[in-house]
Structures are given as C-alpha cells and as structure tokens.
C-alpha cells in the first residue's frame, strides 16, 4: 500500500530526490480581501497582499 508524502520543495524525477525550498522563501502569504454582496453574487473590490513578492 502506498501513502501520500508531503514534499516541501520540488521533486526531481530524474534524480529521484527532493530539491528543498530556499530558507528565505515563506511557505505562506497573508492577504486581506474586501468584498461586496451584489445581486449576482459576491464581488471582490480590493486585494491587499502582505509580505508577498514584488512584481
């Protein structure tokens, strides 16, 4: 029986090993979102990413 393995990084299929993520790279980002209820459903009006990478 095979189970699932949680990999923190990228898996190299040729070398059959995990390439770990850089230590300075956060695993999660925080984002604040504002939304309004419209007649057809919810509409996102503002997105504020906090601590994410710059574009």
Protein backbone atom coordinates (compact mmCIF):
# COMPACT_ATOMS: atom_id res chain seq x y z
CA UNK A 1 0.00 0.00 0.00
CA UNK A 2 1.37 3.40 -0.98
CA UNK A 3 0.75 6.52 1.07
CA UNK A 4 0.98 10.18 0.31
CA UNK A 5 4.15 12.08 1.10
CA UNK A 6 4.14 15.81 1.77
CA UNK A 7 7.03 17.41 -0.09
CA UNK A 8 8.35 20.83 0.96
CA UNK A 9 10.09 21.78 -2.26
CA UNK A 10 10.35 20.50 -5.80
CA UNK A 11 10.75 16.83 -6.67
CA UNK A 12 13.43 15.98 -9.26
CA UNK A 13 12.07 12.93 -11.10
CA UNK A 14 15.35 12.10 -12.83
CA UNK A 15 17.46 12.21 -9.65
CA UNK A 16 14.52 10.87 -7.58
CA UNK A 17 15.07 13.33 -4.74
CA UNK A 18 13.52 16.45 -3.23
CA UNK A 19 15.06 19.82 -4.01
CA UNK A 20 14.27 21.88 -0.89
CA UNK A 21 12.81 25.38 -0.99
CA UNK A 22 15.15 28.28 -0.20
CA UNK A 23 15.15 29.06 3.51
CA UNK A 24 14.30 32.74 2.90
CA UNK A 25 11.14 31.84 0.91
CA UNK A 26 7.98 31.97 3.05
CA UNK A 27 5.66 28.98 2.79
CA UNK A 28 2.50 31.08 3.19
CA UNK A 29 1.42 34.63 2.45
CA UNK A 30 -1.19 36.79 4.19
CA UNK A 31 -3.77 38.58 2.05
CA UNK A 32 -6.61 40.90 3.04
CA UNK A 33 -9.60 40.99 0.70
CA UNK A 34 -12.64 43.28 0.67
CA UNK A 35 -15.83 42.02 -0.96
CA UNK A 36 -19.34 43.30 -1.53
CA UNK A 37 -22.57 41.36 -1.96
CA UNK A 38 -24.03 42.17 -5.40
CA UNK A 39 -27.33 40.88 -6.86
CA UNK A 40 -25.46 38.26 -8.95
CA UNK A 41 -23.14 37.16 -6.11
CA UNK A 42 -20.02 38.36 -4.31
CA UNK A 43 -17.64 40.86 -5.98
CA UNK A 44 -14.06 41.34 -4.76
CA UNK A 45 -13.44 45.09 -4.52
CA UNK A 46 -9.89 45.24 -3.10
CA UNK A 47 -6.96 42.85 -2.60
CA UNK A 48 -4.07 43.70 -0.28
CA UNK A 49 -1.22 41.13 -0.32
CA UNK A 50 1.05 41.47 2.70
CA UNK A 51 4.63 40.23 2.59
CA UNK A 52 4.37 38.72 -0.87
CA UNK A 53 7.00 39.00 -3.57
CA UNK A 54 7.18 42.23 -5.57
CA UNK A 55 6.25 42.06 -9.23
